[in-house]
């Protein structure tokens, strides 16, 4: 007896057609026009889909030689080398909806060593999922910024090599402190270097607005921590003390005031290498604490989700092949059944 062949109709969701990547416009902007050596430079990339369909994009990341990259050029045309950690961030895909835009901001000085006093131009290339071999497809506009010399009269530089408890030497630390007047505001800045200044990219502190340069006092303690003292107000009645560790992160900030019996605050280096402040009366003290690591969330044991077909994924293709295979099997079984009936007759 011949069985009955049953054919199955499998409904497969069809992925919507994606738009043309050339409908996306990449616009680059920079916050500010002039910066000091080592000062962070923030740029923003805006991607706008001007077409009527969604476009699969690669999220912009300043990853030097990957699918999305920034070209930073000096006036001589030389392209700066990417100096960031290649494992910091990877380009990830996302869907840019029709007639919508997305904005991403970056510290370009985190990825490129912009150290020389010069003008620089930046242009960002972003790629689509379909054109990762040609990132120039979505080229942004060209922006320009300048790294300038500090224009203040105060300049101080000092290095120190801390010691371990056993007397062996730690890494040498160097500090530079200088003043700069920007848009009518006089401020003091500091840069910390591991080793000799200028050889390894340093960290950056500031701006700290000051009353005048005559009130600035600086010292390094035995651990190469910077102590920076200056007057905040024009009457020289309020002083601020900034203490920074070897990584150039502000660890403490204290404010002192003068009364009838107190002398102006001053920094003194002791015989053991520590630094003390004498004079003034403490009115405010803050301490910068490192951010706490987020506590891990408990893992919820859930059953694995059922496989679903998503646009532009391989699951749709497997479902199509499965439907075709089932249909072929049904037709083949029916043909065999008819052939057996004819032979029996």
Protein backbone atom coordinates (compact mmCIF):
# COMPACT_ATOMS: atom_id res chain seq x y z
CA UNK A 1 0.00 0.00 0.00
CA UNK A 2 1.35 3.32 -0.95
CA UNK A 3 1.56 6.14 1.58
CA UNK A 4 0.29 9.60 0.92
CA UNK A 5 2.94 12.23 0.18
CA UNK A 6 2.21 15.51 1.94
CA UNK A 7 3.84 18.75 0.81
CA UNK A 8 4.61 21.50 3.35
CA UNK A 9 4.43 25.21 2.54
CA UNK A 10 6.96 27.00 4.70
CA UNK A 11 6.47 30.76 4.96
CA UNK A 12 9.87 32.45 5.14
CA UNK A 13 10.11 36.13 6.14
CA UNK A 14 11.84 38.07 3.41
CA UNK A 15 14.52 40.50 4.54
CA UNK A 16 13.69 44.08 3.56
CA UNK A 17 15.90 45.56 0.89
CA UNK A 18 18.59 47.83 2.31
CA UNK A 19 19.30 51.29 1.02
CA UNK A 20 22.27 52.55 -0.95
CA UNK A 21 25.25 53.32 1.32
CA UNK A 22 25.91 56.40 -0.78
CA UNK A 23 22.76 57.92 0.74
CA UNK A 24 24.65 58.29 4.02
CA UNK A 25 26.44 61.57 4.72
CA UNK A 26 29.34 61.70 7.19
CA UNK A 27 29.93 65.08 8.88
CA UNK A 28 32.91 65.77 11.13
CA UNK A 29 33.15 68.55 13.73
CA UNK A 30 35.69 69.55 16.39
CA UNK A 31 35.12 71.30 19.72
CA UNK A 32 37.49 74.26 19.52
CA UNK A 33 40.09 75.49 17.05
CA UNK A 34 43.30 75.77 19.08
CA UNK A 35 44.70 73.44 21.73
CA UNK A 36 47.77 73.21 23.93
CA UNK A 37 50.30 70.38 23.61
CA UNK A 38 48.80 67.29 25.20
CA UNK A 39 45.35 68.83 25.62
CA UNK A 40 42.51 66.42 24.72
CA UNK A 41 40.87 67.12 21.36
CA UNK A 42 37.28 65.95 20.98
CA UNK A 43 35.77 65.33 17.56
CA UNK A 44 32.27 64.21 16.61
CA UNK A 45 31.11 62.16 13.63
CA UNK A 46 27.49 62.50 12.53
CA UNK A 47 26.09 59.91 10.11
CA UNK A 48 22.88 60.93 8.36
CA UNK A 49 20.80 58.60 6.18
CA UNK A 50 19.20 60.79 3.54
CA UNK A 51 17.62 57.89 1.64
CA UNK A 52 14.28 56.16 2.00
CA UNK A 53 15.63 52.81 3.19
CA UNK A 54 17.62 51.52 6.15
CA UNK A 55 21.38 51.12 5.70
CA UNK A 56 23.54 48.59 7.52
CA UNK A 57 26.54 50.50 8.88
CA UNK A 58 29.74 49.93 10.80
CA UNK A 59 29.79 52.08 13.94
CA UNK A 60 32.57 54.69 13.66
CA UNK A 61 35.63 53.92 15.76
CA UNK A 62 39.01 55.59 15.41
CA UNK A 63 40.73 52.29 14.73
CA UNK A 64 43.59 53.30 12.48
CA UNK A 65 43.68 50.46 9.99
CA UNK A 66 40.27 48.79 10.45
CA UNK A 67 37.07 49.33 8.52
CA UNK A 68 36.63 52.76 10.07
CA UNK A 69 39.60 55.04 10.43
CA UNK A 70 40.69 58.63 10.82
CA UNK A 71 43.40 60.22 8.75
CA UNK A 72 45.26 62.84 10.78
CA UNK A 73 47.72 64.84 8.72
CA UNK A 74 50.37 67.40 9.62
CA UNK A 75 50.99 70.40 7.33
CA UNK A 76 53.72 68.49 5.48
CA UNK A 77 51.09 65.96 4.44
CA UNK A 78 52.45 63.19 6.64
CA UNK A 79 49.79 60.86 8.09
CA UNK A 80 50.13 60.41 11.84
CA UNK A 81 50.57 56.86 13.09
CA UNK A 82 47.77 55.29 15.09
CA UNK A 83 49.06 54.92 18.65
CA UNK A 84 45.95 53.71 20.49
CA UNK A 85 45.37 50.25 21.85
CA UNK A 86 43.97 48.11 19.03
CA UNK A 87 41.96 46.12 21.56
CA UNK A 88 40.24 49.12 23.15
CA UNK A 89 37.24 49.21 20.86
CA UNK A 90 36.15 47.37 17.76
CA UNK A 91 33.88 48.57 14.99
CA UNK A 92 30.40 47.12 15.47
CA UNK A 93 27.48 46.91 13.07
CA UNK A 94 24.22 48.80 13.48
CA UNK A 95 21.23 49.67 11.34
CA UNK A 96 20.90 53.32 10.39
CA UNK A 97 17.19 53.92 9.91
CA UNK A 98 15.86 55.79 6.91
CA UNK A 99 16.01 59.57 7.14
CA UNK A 100 17.66 59.40 10.57
CA UNK A 101 21.08 60.29 11.98
CA UNK A 102 23.47 59.10 14.68
CA UNK A 103 26.35 60.92 16.39
CA UNK A 104 29.54 59.50 17.90
CA UNK A 105 32.22 61.48 19.76
CA UNK A 106 35.88 60.58 20.30
CA UNK A 107 39.02 61.91 21.99
CA UNK A 108 41.24 61.81 18.93
CA UNK A 109 44.30 62.49 21.10
CA UNK A 110 43.64 59.11 22.74
CA UNK A 111 44.33 57.34 19.45
CA UNK A 112 46.91 59.60 17.79
CA UNK A 113 49.97 61.27 19.31
CA UNK A 114 49.48 64.91 18.40
CA UNK A 115 52.54 66.48 20.00
CA UNK A 116 54.08 69.05 17.65
CA UNK A 117 53.19 72.75 17.51
CA UNK A 118 51.43 72.71 14.17
CA UNK A 119 48.14 72.67 12.29
CA UNK A 120 46.42 69.34 11.73
CA UNK A 121 43.65 68.17 9.43
CA UNK A 122 41.33 65.27 10.18
CA UNK A 123 39.07 63.26 7.90
CA UNK A 124 37.14 60.18 8.94
CA UNK A 125 36.24 57.26 6.69
CA UNK A 126 33.35 55.02 7.68
CA UNK A 127 32.42 51.75 5.99
CA UNK A 128 29.24 49.81 5.38
CA UNK A 129 28.79 46.10 6.00
CA UNK A 130 28.86 45.58 2.25
CA UNK A 131 32.00 47.57 1.62
CA UNK A 132 34.44 46.91 4.42
CA UNK A 133 37.21 46.66 1.85
CA UNK A 134 36.54 50.20 0.69
CA UNK A 135 36.19 52.46 3.73
CA UNK A 136 36.63 55.53 1.55
CA UNK A 137 33.06 55.04 0.35
CA UNK A 138 31.68 57.26 3.12
CA UNK A 139 34.20 60.07 3.43
CA UNK A 140 33.56 62.91 5.84
CA UNK A 141 34.32 66.58 5.40
CA UNK A 142 37.78 67.87 6.28
CA UNK A 143 38.32 69.73 9.57
CA UNK A 144 41.35 71.60 10.85
CA UNK A 145 42.66 72.48 14.29
CA UNK A 146 45.92 73.91 15.63
CA UNK A 147 48.25 73.01 18.50
CA UNK A 148 49.78 76.22 19.88
CA UNK A 149 52.49 77.20 22.33
CA UNK A 150 51.37 78.36 25.78
CA UNK A 151 51.26 82.17 25.77
CA UNK A 152 51.76 82.72 29.52
CA UNK A 153 54.94 83.85 31.28
CA UNK A 154 55.11 81.06 33.86
CA UNK A 155 56.93 77.84 32.94
CA UNK A 156 58.26 75.14 35.27
CA UNK A 157 59.68 71.66 34.63
CA UNK A 158 61.08 69.04 36.98
CA UNK A 159 61.76 65.30 37.02
CA UNK A 160 62.10 62.80 39.83
CA UNK A 161 62.77 59.07 40.12
CA UNK A 162 60.89 57.51 43.06
CA UNK A 163 62.32 54.57 45.00
CA UNK A 164 60.86 51.21 46.03
CA UNK A 165 60.97 50.16 49.67
CA UNK A 166 64.07 48.11 48.95
CA UNK A 167 65.85 51.15 47.55
CA UNK A 168 65.59 50.20 43.86
CA UNK A 169 64.47 52.84 41.39
CA UNK A 170 60.98 53.15 40.00
CA UNK A 171 60.15 54.72 36.64
CA UNK A 172 61.24 58.31 36.22
CA UNK A 173 58.45 60.89 36.24
CA UNK A 174 58.59 64.34 34.67
CA UNK A 175 56.21 67.27 35.06
CA UNK A 176 55.68 70.46 33.11
CA UNK A 177 53.60 73.36 34.47
CA UNK A 178 52.77 76.46 32.43
CA UNK A 179 50.16 79.19 32.05
CA UNK A 180 47.99 80.15 29.11
CA UNK A 181 45.46 82.91 28.47
CA UNK A 182 42.48 81.70 26.46
CA UNK A 183 39.64 84.05 25.62
CA UNK A 184 40.65 86.40 28.42
CA UNK A 185 40.93 83.73 31.15
CA UNK A 186 44.38 83.05 32.60
CA UNK A 187 44.81 79.42 33.68
CA UNK A 188 47.55 77.07 34.79
CA UNK A 189 48.08 73.65 33.17
CA UNK A 190 50.22 70.63 33.99
CA UNK A 191 51.47 67.62 32.03
CA UNK A 192 52.89 64.43 33.49
CA UNK A 193 55.29 62.21 31.58
CA UNK A 194 56.60 58.74 32.23
CA UNK A 195 60.30 59.23 31.50
CA UNK A 196 61.69 62.17 29.57
CA UNK A 197 59.15 64.85 28.50
CA UNK A 198 58.08 64.53 24.89
CA UNK A 199 59.22 60.95 24.33
CA UNK A 200 56.08 59.23 25.62
CA UNK A 201 52.60 60.82 25.40
CA UNK A 202 51.85 62.49 28.71
CA UNK A 203 48.68 63.06 30.69
CA UNK A 204 47.08 66.47 30.95
CA UNK A 205 45.72 68.57 33.84
CA UNK A 206 43.78 71.82 33.61
CA UNK A 207 42.70 74.42 32.99
CA UNK A 208 42.77 75.82 36.53
CA UNK A 209 41.82 79.55 36.45
CA UNK A 210 44.22 81.68 38.50
CA UNK A 211 44.42 85.27 39.72
CA UNK A 212 47.97 85.91 38.49
CA UNK A 213 51.19 84.03 37.86
CA UNK A 214 53.07 85.45 40.86
CA UNK A 215 51.04 83.29 43.25
CA UNK A 216 51.93 79.94 41.61
CA UNK A 217 54.06 77.53 43.66
CA UNK A 218 55.06 73.99 42.62
CA UNK A 219 56.83 71.05 44.27
CA UNK A 220 57.39 67.34 43.66
CA UNK A 221 57.38 64.96 46.62
CA UNK A 222 59.36 61.73 47.07
CA UNK A 223 56.78 59.77 45.02
CA UNK A 224 56.87 62.27 42.12
CA UNK A 225 53.42 63.58 43.01
CA UNK A 226 52.84 67.15 41.88
CA UNK A 227 51.74 69.82 44.38
CA UNK A 228 50.42 72.93 42.67
CA UNK A 229 49.40 76.03 44.68
CA UNK A 230 47.92 79.27 43.30
CA UNK A 231 45.59 82.15 44.24
CA UNK A 232 42.07 82.02 42.88
CA UNK A 233 40.86 85.59 43.46
CA UNK A 234 42.43 88.92 42.60
CA UNK A 235 42.67 89.94 46.27
CA UNK A 236 44.84 86.84 46.97
CA UNK A 237 42.64 85.78 49.88
CA UNK A 238 41.70 82.33 48.55
CA UNK A 239 44.29 79.77 47.47
CA UNK A 240 43.80 76.36 45.89
CA UNK A 241 46.14 73.38 46.27
CA UNK A 242 46.01 70.64 43.61
CA UNK A 243 47.81 67.36 44.28
CA UNK A 244 48.20 64.91 41.41
CA UNK A 245 49.66 61.43 41.33
CA UNK A 246 52.01 59.92 38.77
CA UNK A 247 49.22 59.22 36.27
CA UNK A 248 48.23 62.91 36.24
CA UNK A 249 44.83 62.31 37.79
CA UNK A 250 43.72 64.89 40.35
CA UNK A 251 43.79 63.11 43.70
CA UNK A 252 42.91 66.01 45.98
CA UNK A 253 41.89 69.65 45.89
CA UNK A 254 42.03 71.96 48.90
CA UNK A 255 41.12 75.63 49.33
CA UNK A 256 42.65 77.91 51.91
CA UNK A 257 41.72 81.39 53.02
CA UNK A 258 43.57 84.14 54.86
CA UNK A 259 42.55 85.68 58.16
CA UNK A 260 44.07 88.50 60.18
CA UNK A 261 46.63 86.23 61.83
CA UNK A 262 47.54 83.83 59.03
CA UNK A 263 50.27 84.19 56.46
CA UNK A 264 49.72 83.40 52.75
CA UNK A 265 49.91 79.65 52.09
CA UNK A 266 53.26 78.32 50.89
CA UNK A 267 54.69 74.93 49.92
CA UNK A 268 57.70 73.57 51.81
CA UNK A 269 59.69 70.47 50.89
CA UNK A 270 60.82 68.52 53.95
CA UNK A 271 64.07 66.61 54.43
CA UNK A 272 62.33 63.24 53.92
CA UNK A 273 61.06 64.36 50.51
CA UNK A 274 57.48 65.02 51.54
CA UNK A 275 55.75 68.32 50.80
CA UNK A 276 53.86 70.37 53.39
CA UNK A 277 51.73 73.49 53.21
CA UNK A 278 52.16 76.23 55.79
CA UNK A 279 49.95 79.26 56.32
CA UNK A 280 46.32 79.86 55.54
CA UNK A 281 43.20 78.25 56.96
CA UNK A 282 41.60 75.25 55.31
CA UNK A 283 38.03 75.96 54.14
CA UNK A 284 37.36 73.18 51.64
CA UNK A 285 38.90 69.79 50.93
CA UNK A 286 37.85 67.27 48.31
CA UNK A 287 39.40 63.97 47.36
CA UNK A 288 38.96 62.25 44.03
CA UNK A 289 38.29 58.56 44.56
CA UNK A 290 38.63 56.01 41.77
CA UNK A 291 35.25 54.79 40.48
CA UNK A 292 34.06 51.57 42.01
CA UNK A 293 33.87 48.55 39.76
CA UNK A 294 30.26 47.54 39.03
CA UNK A 295 29.17 44.48 40.94
CA UNK A 296 28.53 41.49 38.68
CA UNK A 297 24.88 40.70 38.24
CA UNK A 298 23.70 37.14 39.02
CA UNK A 299 23.35 34.99 35.95
CA UNK A 300 19.73 34.10 35.33
CA UNK A 301 19.37 30.59 34.04
CA UNK A 302 16.88 30.82 31.23
CA UNK A 303 16.11 28.36 28.45
CA UNK A 304 17.80 29.27 25.19
CA UNK A 305 15.54 31.36 22.96
CA UNK A 306 13.97 29.74 19.94
CA UNK A 307 15.72 30.37 16.67
CA UNK A 308 14.11 33.15 14.70
CA UNK A 309 14.76 34.51 11.29
CA UNK A 310 16.29 37.95 11.31
CA UNK A 311 16.90 40.20 8.31
CA UNK A 312 20.25 39.82 6.62
CA UNK A 313 21.12 36.71 8.67
CA UNK A 314 21.97 33.18 7.55
CA UNK A 315 18.86 31.75 9.26
CA UNK A 316 16.61 32.92 6.42
CA UNK A 317 18.77 31.05 3.91
CA UNK A 318 18.58 27.84 5.97
CA UNK A 319 14.81 28.10 6.14
CA UNK A 320 14.61 28.54 2.38
CA UNK A 321 16.81 25.48 1.84
CA UNK A 322 14.67 23.51 4.30
CA UNK A 323 11.48 24.48 2.49
CA UNK A 324 12.98 23.48 -0.84
CA UNK A 325 14.19 20.16 0.57
CA UNK A 326 10.76 19.33 2.01
CA UNK A 327 9.04 20.22 -1.23
CA UNK A 328 11.50 18.10 -3.21
CA UNK A 329 10.97 15.20 -0.84
CA UNK A 330 7.19 15.45 -1.24
CA UNK A 331 7.35 15.52 -5.02
CA UNK A 332 9.80 12.61 -5.11
CA UNK A 333 7.67 10.51 -2.78
CA UNK A 334 4.59 11.19 -4.90
CA UNK A 335 6.37 10.21 -8.10
CA UNK A 336 7.57 6.94 -6.54
CA UNK A 337 4.05 6.17 -5.35
CA UNK A 338 2.56 6.71 -8.83
CA UNK A 339 5.29 4.56 -10.40
CA UNK A 340 4.54 1.66 -8.02
CA UNK A 341 0.80 1.90 -8.78
CA UNK A 342 1.47 1.64 -12.53
CA UNK A 343 3.71 -1.39 -12.07
CA UNK A 344 1.07 -3.10 -9.89
CA UNK A 345 -1.59 -2.48 -12.57
